[in-house]
C-alpha atoms as a PDB file:
ATOM      1  CA  MET A   1    -219.020 -83.914-158.436  1.00  0.00           C
ATOM      2  CA  LYS A   2    -216.256 -85.190-160.478  1.00  0.00           C
ATOM      3  CA  ILE A   3    -214.286 -82.740-163.041  1.00  0.00           C
ATOM      4  CA  LEU A   4    -212.455 -83.881-165.721  1.00  0.00           C
ATOM      5  CA  ALA A   5    -210.127 -81.186-167.189  1.00  0.00           C
ATOM      6  CA  ASN A   6    -209.198 -81.444-170.991  1.00  0.00           C
ATOM      7  CA  VAL A   7    -211.561 -84.005-172.372  1.00  0.00           C
ATOM      8  CA  GLU A   8    -211.790 -85.937-175.822  1.00  0.00           C
ATOM      9  CA  MET A   9    -215.592 -85.315-176.340  1.00  0.00           C
ATOM     10  CA  LYS A  10    -215.558 -87.981-179.271  1.00  0.00           C
ATOM     11  CA  ASN A  11    -215.159 -90.096-176.547  1.00  0.00           C
ATOM     12  CA  TYR A  12    -218.876 -89.127-175.117  1.00  0.00           C
ATOM     13  CA  SER A  13    -220.020 -88.784-178.746  1.00  0.00           C
ATOM     14  CA  ASN A  14    -222.050 -91.942-180.297  1.00  0.00           C
ATOM     15  CA  MET A  15    -220.205 -90.404-183.677  1.00  0.00           C
ATOM     16  CA  LYS A  16    -217.143 -90.635-182.303  1.00  0.00           C
ATOM     17  CA  ILE A  17    -216.458 -86.868-183.143  1.00  0.00           C
ATOM     18  CA  GLY A  18    -215.385 -84.355-181.028  1.00  0.00           C
ATOM     19  CA  GLY A  19    -212.806 -81.591-179.761  1.00  0.00           C
ATOM     20  CA  LYS A  20    -210.918 -80.960-176.464  1.00  0.00           C
ATOM     21  CA  ALA A  21    -213.589 -79.677-173.998  1.00  0.00           C
ATOM     22  CA  LYS A  22    -212.417 -77.438-171.222  1.00  0.00           C
ATOM     23  CA  GLU A  23    -213.893 -79.803-168.911  1.00  0.00           C
ATOM     24  CA  LEU A  24    -216.322 -82.444-168.327  1.00  0.00           C
ATOM     25  CA  ILE A  25    -218.429 -82.590-165.001  1.00  0.00           C
ATOM     26  CA  PHE A  26    -220.199 -85.250-163.436  1.00  0.00           C
ATOM     27  CA  ILE A  27    -222.375 -84.038-160.958  1.00  0.00           C
ATOM     28  CA  GLU A  28    -223.780 -85.878-158.494  1.00  0.00           C
ATOM     29  CA  LYS A  29    -226.014 -83.921-156.264  1.00  0.00           C
ATOM     30  CA  GLU A  30    -229.060 -81.627-157.133  1.00  0.00           C
ATOM     31  CA  GLU A  31    -227.355 -78.841-155.516  1.00  0.00           C
ATOM     32  CA  GLU A  32    -223.839 -79.045-157.653  1.00  0.00           C
ATOM     33  CA  LEU A  33    -225.905 -77.712-160.762  1.00  0.00           C
ATOM     34  CA  LYS A  34    -226.545 -74.163-159.087  1.00  0.00           C
ATOM     35  CA  GLU A  35    -222.419 -74.050-158.016  1.00  0.00           C
ATOM     36  CA  VAL A  36    -221.648 -74.977-161.622  1.00  0.00           C
ATOM     37  CA  LEU A  37    -224.089 -72.746-163.608  1.00  0.00           C
ATOM     38  CA  LYS A  38    -222.968 -69.842-161.262  1.00  0.00           C
ATOM     39  CA  THR A  39    -219.369 -70.323-161.968  1.00  0.00           C
ATOM     40  CA  ARG A  40    -219.104 -71.474-165.249  1.00  0.00           C
ATOM     41  CA  ASP A  41    -219.569 -68.820-168.335  1.00  0.00           C
ATOM     42  CA  LYS A  42    -220.576 -71.652-171.108  1.00  0.00           C
ATOM     43  CA  VAL A  43    -221.914 -75.055-170.397  1.00  0.00           C
ATOM     44  CA  PHE A  44    -223.710 -77.635-171.957  1.00  0.00           C
ATOM     45  CA  LEU A  45    -225.511 -80.588-171.203  1.00  0.00           C
ATOM     46  CA  ILE A  46    -224.245 -83.917-172.436  1.00  0.00           C
ATOM     47  CA  GLY A  47    -226.688 -86.663-172.474  1.00  0.00           C
ATOM     48  CA  ASN A  48    -225.521 -90.263-174.397  1.00  0.00           C
ATOM     49  CA  GLY A  49    -224.537 -88.073-177.106  1.00  0.00           C
ATOM     50  CA  THR A  50    -226.363 -90.344-178.998  1.00  0.00           C
ATOM     51  CA  ASN A  51    -227.908 -87.163-181.108  1.00  0.00           C
ATOM     52  CA  THR A  52    -225.085 -84.314-180.325  1.00  0.00           C
ATOM     53  CA  LEU A  53    -222.744 -83.522-183.292  1.00  0.00           C
ATOM     54  CA  ILE A  54    -219.839 -82.291-181.523  1.00  0.00           C
ATOM     55  CA  SER A  55    -217.341 -79.715-183.041  1.00  0.00           C
ATOM     56  CA  ASP A  56    -213.612 -81.434-183.337  1.00  0.00           C
ATOM     57  CA  LYS A  57    -211.612 -78.108-182.245  1.00  0.00           C
ATOM     58  CA  ASP A  58    -211.006 -77.173-179.156  1.00  0.00           C
ATOM     59  CA  LEU A  59    -214.239 -76.339-177.045  1.00  0.00           C
ATOM     60  CA  ASP A  60    -214.197 -73.267-174.498  1.00  0.00           C
ATOM     61  CA  ILE A  61    -217.060 -75.230-172.999  1.00  0.00           C
ATOM     62  CA  SER A  62    -218.006 -77.009-169.640  1.00  0.00           C
ATOM     63  CA  PHE A  63    -219.705 -80.115-170.359  1.00  0.00           C
ATOM     64  CA  ILE A  64    -221.953 -81.409-167.436  1.00  0.00           C
ATOM     65  CA  SER A  65    -223.153 -84.871-167.415  1.00  0.00           C
ATOM     66  CA  LEU A  66    -226.315 -86.061-165.054  1.00  0.00           C
ATOM     67  CA  LYS A  67    -225.140 -90.071-165.917  1.00  0.00           C
ATOM     68  CA  GLU A  68    -225.370 -90.323-162.264  1.00  0.00           C
ATOM     69  CA  PHE A  69    -228.661 -89.524-161.865  1.00  0.00           C
ATOM     70  CA  ASN A  70    -229.473 -92.863-163.120  1.00  0.00           C
ATOM     71  CA  TYR A  71    -232.185 -94.348-160.403  1.00  0.00           C
ATOM     72  CA  MET A  72    -235.745 -95.599-161.288  1.00  0.00           C
ATOM     73  CA  LYS A  73    -238.269 -95.874-158.362  1.00  0.00           C
ATOM     74  CA  VAL A  74    -241.941 -96.139-157.863  1.00  0.00           C
ATOM     75  CA  ILE A  75    -242.956 -93.556-155.404  1.00  0.00           C
ATOM     76  CA  GLU A  76    -247.228 -93.604-155.848  1.00  0.00           C
ATOM     77  CA  LYS A  77    -249.517 -97.040-156.707  1.00  0.00           C
ATOM     78  CA  ASN A  78    -252.553 -96.499-157.278  1.00  0.00           C
ATOM     79  CA  GLU A  79    -255.609 -98.516-158.482  1.00  0.00           C
ATOM     80  CA  ASN A  80    -255.366 -97.767-161.975  1.00  0.00           C
ATOM     81  CA  TYR A  81    -251.905 -96.424-162.178  1.00  0.00           C
ATOM     82  CA  ASP A  82    -248.762 -95.770-160.760  1.00  0.00           C
ATOM     83  CA  ILE A  83    -246.296 -92.587-160.910  1.00  0.00           C
ATOM     84  CA  VAL A  84    -242.311 -93.606-161.131  1.00  0.00           C
ATOM     85  CA  CYS A  85    -239.346 -91.295-160.722  1.00  0.00           C
ATOM     86  CA  ILE A  86    -236.665 -91.691-163.108  1.00  0.00           C
ATOM     87  CA  GLY A  87    -233.421 -89.724-162.823  1.00  0.00           C
ATOM     88  CA  SER A  88    -232.554 -87.642-166.207  1.00  0.00           C
ATOM     89  CA  GLY A  89    -229.285 -90.004-166.444  1.00  0.00           C
ATOM     90  CA  ALA A  90    -231.170 -93.345-167.317  1.00  0.00           C
ATOM     91  CA  ASN A  91    -230.803 -94.998-170.457  1.00  0.00           C
ATOM     92  CA  LEU A  92    -234.389 -95.644-172.173  1.00  0.00           C
ATOM     93  CA  ASP A  93    -232.958 -99.103-172.508  1.00  0.00           C
ATOM     94  CA  ASP A  94    -233.148 -99.455-168.914  1.00  0.00           C
ATOM     95  CA  LEU A  95    -236.226 -98.072-168.802  1.00  0.00           C
ATOM     96  CA  ILE A  96    -237.891-100.169-171.127  1.00  0.00           C
ATOM     97  CA  ASP A  97    -236.623-103.116-169.033  1.00  0.00           C
ATOM     98  CA  PHE A  98    -237.864-101.540-165.576  1.00  0.00           C
ATOM     99  CA  MET A  99    -241.451-101.471-167.416  1.00  0.00           C
ATOM    100  CA  GLU A 100    -241.443-104.781-168.508  1.00  0.00           C
ATOM    101  CA  ALA A 101    -240.319-106.115-164.939  1.00  0.00           C
ATOM    102  CA  ASN A 102    -242.833-104.080-163.322  1.00  0.00           C
ATOM    103  CA  ASP A 103    -245.833-104.595-166.088  1.00  0.00           C
ATOM    104  CA  TYR A 104    -246.198-101.050-166.865  1.00  0.00           C
ATOM    105  CA  ALA A 105    -247.389 -99.946-170.409  1.00  0.00           C
ATOM    106  CA  GLY A 106    -247.129 -96.818-172.876  1.00  0.00           C
ATOM    107  CA  LEU A 107    -243.949 -96.480-174.046  1.00  0.00           C
ATOM    108  CA  GLU A 108    -243.365 -99.936-176.043  1.00  0.00           C
ATOM    109  CA  ASN A 109    -243.227 -98.277-179.636  1.00  0.00           C
ATOM    110  CA  ILE A 110    -240.225 -96.109-178.477  1.00  0.00           C
ATOM    111  CA  THR A 111    -237.786 -99.373-177.504  1.00  0.00           C
ATOM    112  CA  GLY A 112    -234.201 -99.129-179.042  1.00  0.00           C
ATOM    113  CA  ILE A 113    -234.071 -95.401-179.207  1.00  0.00           C
ATOM    114  CA  PRO A 114    -230.574 -94.499-178.129  1.00  0.00           C
ATOM    115  CA  GLY A 115    -230.101 -92.405-175.387  1.00  0.00           C
ATOM    116  CA  SER A 116    -231.035 -90.847-171.718  1.00  0.00           C
ATOM    117  CA  VAL A 117    -234.345 -90.309-170.431  1.00  0.00           C
ATOM    118  CA  GLY A 118    -233.356 -87.034-169.654  1.00  0.00           C
ATOM    119  CA  GLY A 119    -232.045 -86.086-173.752  1.00  0.00           C
ATOM    120  CA  LEU A 120    -235.302 -88.165-175.080  1.00  0.00           C
ATOM    121  CA  VAL A 121    -237.335 -85.231-172.718  1.00  0.00           C
ATOM    122  CA  ASN A 122    -235.643 -82.191-173.717  1.00  0.00           C
ATOM    123  CA  MET A 123    -236.651 -82.841-177.104  1.00  0.00           C
ATOM    124  CA  ASN A 124    -239.965 -84.908-176.773  1.00  0.00           C
ATOM    125  CA  GLY A 125    -238.340 -87.767-178.695  1.00  0.00           C
ATOM    126  CA  GLY A 126    -240.771 -90.683-180.160  1.00  0.00           C
ATOM    127  CA  ALA A 127    -241.193 -93.028-182.916  1.00  0.00           C
ATOM    128  CA  TYR A 128    -244.459 -94.998-184.361  1.00  0.00           C
ATOM    129  CA  GLY A 129    -246.940 -92.494-183.184  1.00  0.00           C
ATOM    130  CA  THR A 130    -245.569 -92.719-179.485  1.00  0.00           C
ATOM    131  CA  GLU A 131    -243.589 -89.952-177.856  1.00  0.00           C
ATOM    132  CA  ILE A 132    -242.247 -89.777-174.334  1.00  0.00           C
ATOM    133  CA  PHE A 133    -244.142 -86.876-173.037  1.00  0.00           C
ATOM    134  CA  ASP A 134    -247.549 -89.158-173.554  1.00  0.00           C
ATOM    135  CA  CYS A 135    -246.736 -91.016-170.459  1.00  0.00           C
ATOM    136  CA  ILE A 136    -245.379 -88.133-168.236  1.00  0.00           C
ATOM    137  CA  ASP A 137    -246.977 -86.623-164.901  1.00  0.00           C
ATOM    138  CA  LYS A 138    -244.426 -84.200-164.021  1.00  0.00           C
ATOM    139  CA  ILE A 139    -240.564 -83.064-164.704  1.00  0.00           C
ATOM    140  CA  LYS A 140    -238.023 -81.465-162.398  1.00  0.00           C
ATOM    141  CA  ILE A 141    -236.080 -79.003-164.148  1.00  0.00           C
ATOM    142  CA  CYS A 142    -232.792 -76.619-163.177  1.00  0.00           C
ATOM    143  CA  ASP A 143    -233.250 -73.260-165.190  1.00  0.00           C
ATOM    144  CA  LEU A 144    -230.208 -71.376-166.088  1.00  0.00           C
ATOM    145  CA  ASP A 145    -230.070 -69.949-163.149  1.00  0.00           C
ATOM    146  CA  GLY A 146    -229.784 -72.824-161.365  1.00  0.00           C
ATOM    147  CA  ASN A 147    -233.062 -72.815-159.616  1.00  0.00           C
ATOM    148  CA  ILE A 148    -234.793 -76.737-159.589  1.00  0.00           C
ATOM    149  CA  LYS A 149    -238.542 -76.400-160.508  1.00  0.00           C
ATOM    150  CA  VAL A 150    -241.326 -78.999-160.748  1.00  0.00           C
ATOM    151  CA  PHE A 151    -243.647 -78.288-163.503  1.00  0.00           C
ATOM    152  CA  GLU A 152    -246.629 -80.247-164.363  1.00  0.00           C
ATOM    153  CA  LYS A 153    -246.718 -81.584-168.089  1.00  0.00           C
ATOM    154  CA  SER A 154    -249.986 -79.360-168.266  1.00  0.00           C
ATOM    155  CA  GLU A 155    -247.807 -76.361-167.582  1.00  0.00           C
ATOM    156  CA  LEU A 156    -245.323 -77.223-170.722  1.00  0.00           C
ATOM    157  CA  ASN A 157    -245.549 -76.884-174.635  1.00  0.00           C
ATOM    158  CA  TYR A 158    -244.260 -79.713-176.156  1.00  0.00           C
ATOM    159  CA  ASN A 159    -244.732 -80.535-179.934  1.00  0.00           C
ATOM    160  CA  TYR A 160    -242.863 -82.843-182.400  1.00  0.00           C
ATOM    161  CA  ARG A 161    -239.129 -83.061-181.176  1.00  0.00           C
ATOM    162  CA  THR A 162    -239.310 -79.620-179.272  1.00  0.00           C
ATOM    163  CA  THR A 163    -240.457 -78.886-175.691  1.00  0.00           C
ATOM    164  CA  ASP A 164    -240.298 -75.654-173.405  1.00  0.00           C
ATOM    165  CA  ILE A 165    -237.487 -77.805-171.842  1.00  0.00           C
ATOM    166  CA  LYS A 166    -234.993 -77.536-175.134  1.00  0.00           C
ATOM    167  CA  GLU A 167    -236.331 -73.529-175.945  1.00  0.00           C
ATOM    168  CA  ASN A 168    -235.515 -72.369-173.072  1.00  0.00           C
ATOM    169  CA  LYS A 169    -231.578 -74.615-172.504  1.00  0.00           C
ATOM    170  CA  TRP A 170    -233.159 -75.909-169.096  1.00  0.00           C
ATOM    171  CA  ILE A 171    -231.418 -79.010-167.606  1.00  0.00           C
ATOM    172  CA  VAL A 172    -234.094 -82.288-167.243  1.00  0.00           C
ATOM    173  CA  VAL A 173    -233.178 -83.745-163.527  1.00  0.00           C
ATOM    174  CA  GLU A 174    -235.859 -85.778-162.953  1.00  0.00           C
ATOM    175  CA  VAL A 175    -238.924 -87.442-164.382  1.00  0.00           C
ATOM    176  CA  TYR A 176    -242.298 -88.322-162.852  1.00  0.00           C
ATOM    177  CA  PHE A 177    -244.025 -91.219-165.527  1.00  0.00           C
ATOM    178  CA  LYS A 178    -247.523 -91.841-165.225  1.00  0.00           C
ATOM    179  CA  PHE A 179    -247.662 -95.710-165.961  1.00  0.00           C
ATOM    180  CA  SER A 180    -251.030 -98.113-166.512  1.00  0.00           C
ATOM    181  CA  LYS A 181    -250.262-101.687-166.145  1.00  0.00           C
ATOM    182  CA  GLY A 182    -249.890-104.036-169.501  1.00  0.00           C
ATOM    183  CA  PHE A 183    -246.444-103.989-171.043  1.00  0.00           C
ATOM    184  CA  ASP A 184    -246.735-105.244-174.586  1.00  0.00           C
ATOM    185  CA  LYS A 185    -244.168-107.571-174.826  1.00  0.00           C
ATOM    186  CA  GLU A 186    -244.627-108.508-177.853  1.00  0.00           C
ATOM    187  CA  CYS A 187    -244.816-104.808-179.379  1.00  0.00           C
ATOM    188  CA  SER A 188    -241.549-103.528-177.750  1.00  0.00           C
ATOM    189  CA  GLN A 189    -239.712-106.444-179.177  1.00  0.00           C
ATOM    190  CA  ASP A 190    -241.014-105.421-182.718  1.00  0.00           C
ATOM    191  CA  LYS A 191    -240.086-102.387-182.738  1.00  0.00           C
ATOM    192  CA  LYS A 192    -236.352-103.625-181.090  1.00  0.00           C
ATOM    193  CA  ASP A 193    -236.114-105.900-183.749  1.00  0.00           C
ATOM    194  CA  LYS A 194    -237.411-103.435-186.745  1.00  0.00           C
ATOM    195  CA  ARG A 195    -234.797-100.747-185.211  1.00  0.00           C
ATOM    196  CA  GLU A 196    -231.746-103.651-185.496  1.00  0.00           C
ATOM    197  CA  GLU A 197    -232.727-104.225-188.987  1.00  0.00           C
ATOM    198  CA  ARG A 198    -233.520-101.145-190.649  1.00  0.00           C
ATOM    199  CA  HIS A 199    -230.864 -98.497-189.080  1.00  0.00           C
ATOM    200  CA  PRO A 200    -226.980 -98.905-189.373  1.00  0.00           C
ATOM    201  CA  LEU A 201    -226.074 -99.339-185.910  1.00  0.00           C
ATOM    202  CA  GLU A 202    -223.172-100.914-187.053  1.00  0.00           C
ATOM    203  CA  LEU A 203    -221.698 -97.956-187.491  1.00  0.00           C
ATOM    204  CA  PRO A 204    -221.198 -94.551-185.471  1.00  0.00           C
ATOM    205  CA  ASN A 205    -224.192 -92.155-186.001  1.00  0.00           C
ATOM    206  CA  LEU A 206    -226.379 -89.806-184.581  1.00  0.00           C
ATOM    207  CA  GLY A 207    -229.929 -91.022-185.076  1.00  0.00           C
ATOM    208  CA  SER A 208    -232.284 -89.368-187.559  1.00  0.00           C
ATOM    209  CA  THR A 209    -230.410 -86.282-188.687  1.00  0.00           C
ATOM    210  CA  PHE A 210    -233.493 -84.711-190.022  1.00  0.00           C
ATOM    211  CA  LYS A 211    -236.835 -83.738-188.831  1.00  0.00           C
ATOM    212  CA  ASN A 212    -240.178 -85.448-190.380  1.00  0.00           C
ATOM    213  CA  PRO A 213    -241.503 -81.712-192.626  1.00  0.00           C
ATOM    214  CA  ASP A 214    -245.281 -81.949-192.321  1.00  0.00           C
ATOM    215  CA  GLN A 215    -246.619 -84.617-194.756  1.00  0.00           C
ATOM    216  CA  ASN A 216    -243.234 -86.010-195.527  1.00  0.00           C
ATOM    217  CA  PHE A 217    -240.323 -88.153-194.569  1.00  0.00           C
ATOM    218  CA  ALA A 218    -237.147 -87.305-194.594  1.00  0.00           C
ATOM    219  CA  ALA A 219    -235.638 -90.656-195.470  1.00  0.00           C
ATOM    220  CA  GLN A 220    -238.023 -90.934-198.387  1.00  0.00           C
ATOM    221  CA  LEU A 221    -237.217 -87.187-199.703  1.00  0.00           C
ATOM    222  CA  ILE A 222    -233.578 -88.197-198.971  1.00  0.00           C
ATOM    223  CA  SER A 223    -233.626 -91.685-201.149  1.00  0.00           C
ATOM    224  CA  ASP A 224    -236.244 -89.983-204.244  1.00  0.00           C
ATOM    225  CA  ALA A 225    -233.579 -87.469-204.600  1.00  0.00           C
ATOM    226  CA  GLY A 226    -230.716 -89.869-205.149  1.00  0.00           C
ATOM    227  CA  LEU A 227    -228.560 -88.866-201.909  1.00  0.00           C
ATOM    228  CA  LYS A 228    -228.137 -92.652-200.878  1.00  0.00           C
ATOM    229  CA  GLU A 229    -224.257 -92.959-199.884  1.00  0.00           C
ATOM    230  CA  TYR A 230    -223.704 -89.254-200.702  1.00  0.00           C
ATOM    231  CA  ARG A 231    -220.376 -88.990-199.054  1.00  0.00           C
ATOM    232  CA  VAL A 232    -217.990 -86.184-197.680  1.00  0.00           C
ATOM    233  CA  GLY A 233    -214.674 -87.141-196.734  1.00  0.00           C
ATOM    234  CA  ASN A 234    -215.736 -90.340-194.275  1.00  0.00           C
ATOM    235  CA  ALA A 235    -219.422 -88.958-193.329  1.00  0.00           C
ATOM    236  CA  MET A 236    -222.101 -90.825-195.814  1.00  0.00           C
ATOM    237  CA  VAL A 237    -225.808 -90.708-196.168  1.00  0.00           C
ATOM    238  CA  SER A 238    -226.332 -94.399-194.933  1.00  0.00           C
ATOM    239  CA  PRO A 239    -227.555 -96.426-197.704  1.00  0.00           C
ATOM    240  CA  LYS A 240    -229.821 -98.353-194.951  1.00  0.00           C
ATOM    241  CA  HIS A 241    -231.773 -95.749-193.696  1.00  0.00           C
ATOM    242  CA  PRO A 242    -231.040 -92.362-195.299  1.00  0.00           C
ATOM    243  CA  ASN A 243    -231.799 -90.001-192.876  1.00  0.00           C
ATOM    244  CA  PHE A 244    -228.892 -91.250-191.093  1.00  0.00           C
ATOM    245  CA  ILE A 245    -225.714 -89.957-191.562  1.00  0.00           C
ATOM    246  CA  VAL A 246    -222.826 -92.594-190.752  1.00  0.00           C
ATOM    247  CA  ASN A 247    -218.930 -92.085-189.848  1.00  0.00           C
ATOM    248  CA  LEU A 248    -216.981 -94.560-191.984  1.00  0.00           C
ATOM    249  CA  GLY A 249    -213.796 -94.088-189.628  1.00  0.00           C
ATOM    250  CA  GLU A 250    -211.973 -90.795-188.966  1.00  0.00           C
ATOM    251  CA  ALA A 251    -214.881 -88.742-190.353  1.00  0.00           C
ATOM    252  CA  GLY A 252    -214.357 -84.835-189.097  1.00  0.00           C
ATOM    253  CA  PHE A 253    -217.051 -82.418-188.390  1.00  0.00           C
ATOM    254  CA  GLU A 254    -216.939 -80.308-191.385  1.00  0.00           C
ATOM    255  CA  ASP A 255    -217.343 -83.760-193.144  1.00  0.00           C
ATOM    256  CA  VAL A 256    -220.776 -84.317-191.878  1.00  0.00           C
ATOM    257  CA  MET A 257    -221.690 -80.415-191.710  1.00  0.00           C
ATOM    258  CA  GLY A 258    -221.188 -80.954-195.408  1.00  0.00           C
ATOM    259  CA  VAL A 259    -223.220 -84.027-196.010  1.00  0.00           C
ATOM    260  CA  ILE A 260    -226.073 -81.799-193.665  1.00  0.00           C
ATOM    261  CA  GLU A 261    -225.990 -78.871-196.076  1.00  0.00           C
ATOM    262  CA  HIS A 262    -225.674 -80.685-199.383  1.00  0.00           C
ATOM    263  CA  VAL A 263    -228.561 -82.604-198.442  1.00  0.00           C
ATOM    264  CA  LYS A 264    -230.894 -79.511-197.805  1.00  0.00           C
ATOM    265  CA  GLU A 265    -230.027 -77.802-200.477  1.00  0.00           C
ATOM    266  CA  ILE A 266    -230.715 -80.420-202.992  1.00  0.00           C
ATOM    267  CA  ILE A 267    -233.871 -81.039-200.925  1.00  0.00           C
ATOM    268  CA  LYS A 268    -235.154 -77.474-201.252  1.00  0.00           C
ATOM    269  CA  GLU A 269    -233.986 -77.384-205.078  1.00  0.00           C
ATOM    270  CA  LYS A 270    -236.237 -80.369-205.750  1.00  0.00           C
ATOM    271  CA  ASN A 271    -238.749 -80.341-203.434  1.00  0.00           C
ATOM    272  CA  ASN A 272    -239.095 -76.408-201.821  1.00  0.00           C
ATOM    273  CA  ILE A 273    -238.955 -78.009-198.413  1.00  0.00           C
ATOM    274  CA  ASP A 274    -236.751 -76.487-195.972  1.00  0.00           C
ATOM    275  CA  LEU A 275    -235.442 -79.435-194.006  1.00  0.00           C
ATOM    276  CA  GLN A 276    -234.718 -79.073-190.482  1.00  0.00           C
ATOM    277  CA  THR A 277    -232.282 -80.921-188.422  1.00  0.00           C
ATOM    278  CA  GLU A 278    -232.955 -83.090-185.445  1.00  0.00           C
ATOM    279  CA  ILE A 279    -229.566 -83.531-184.136  1.00  0.00           C
ATOM    280  CA  ILE A 280    -227.844 -81.175-181.752  1.00  0.00           C
ATOM    281  CA  ILE A 281    -225.067 -79.139-182.964  1.00  0.00           C
ATOM    282  CA  VAL A 282    -221.784 -77.672-180.482  1.00  0.00           C
ATOM    283  CA  LYS A 283    -219.104 -75.555-181.865  1.00  0.00           C
END
């Protein structure tokens, strides 16, 4: 493993916000996870930092990274499907490229979502009616005691933007996908183009800030409430996609939290809906 002390976590956040952490540990072997979990009091697994808002105060936290677990390998070939093992540190973009190269189908709709495979599996990330769990066969995790376990998908509870993995604070180590043939390149490119067109990717952001309530869309509620461009400091509701909060430059943690709390308050007042955050908040 590789250990960095007193790390500025804003350098590992897509929002470019984050204070100085006690340490950042890059895990290189599975067995190192148990050692780290046994010898540290407070740990947090950081993926690509694409949906994690980190406090800009000093953090007595040992951040763990599995970015070295970025392999992809076909481990079983069958007539109608293949089983593919993906390390949790692999980027979704790279997985989509791998699928295209091997003519695998099933996840084209989530093309362009930023983040690591492990991070998306943790929260059952998805878009356009597709969730990453749709193509999962089984998952290897590490529990809080450092025990490595493999769960069949049928053994896990997973719903909209949540899973047993997230609830139990387990660490995703490997994901086994069951892919059929027939990659839809047109669909994949369409979703990538739509994401680039509709999302404020030119500014630091954390993706969708709020979960969509039942029978509603968070972005539409925020727009209808006149909250586009609502701003605290340099944190602002994006006019391009109002479920995104963007960093206009040197925004702080409290700025973003101020925007989040104001949006929640107004939506509750106008619609009697309690918006729930989709992002992870670390403080």
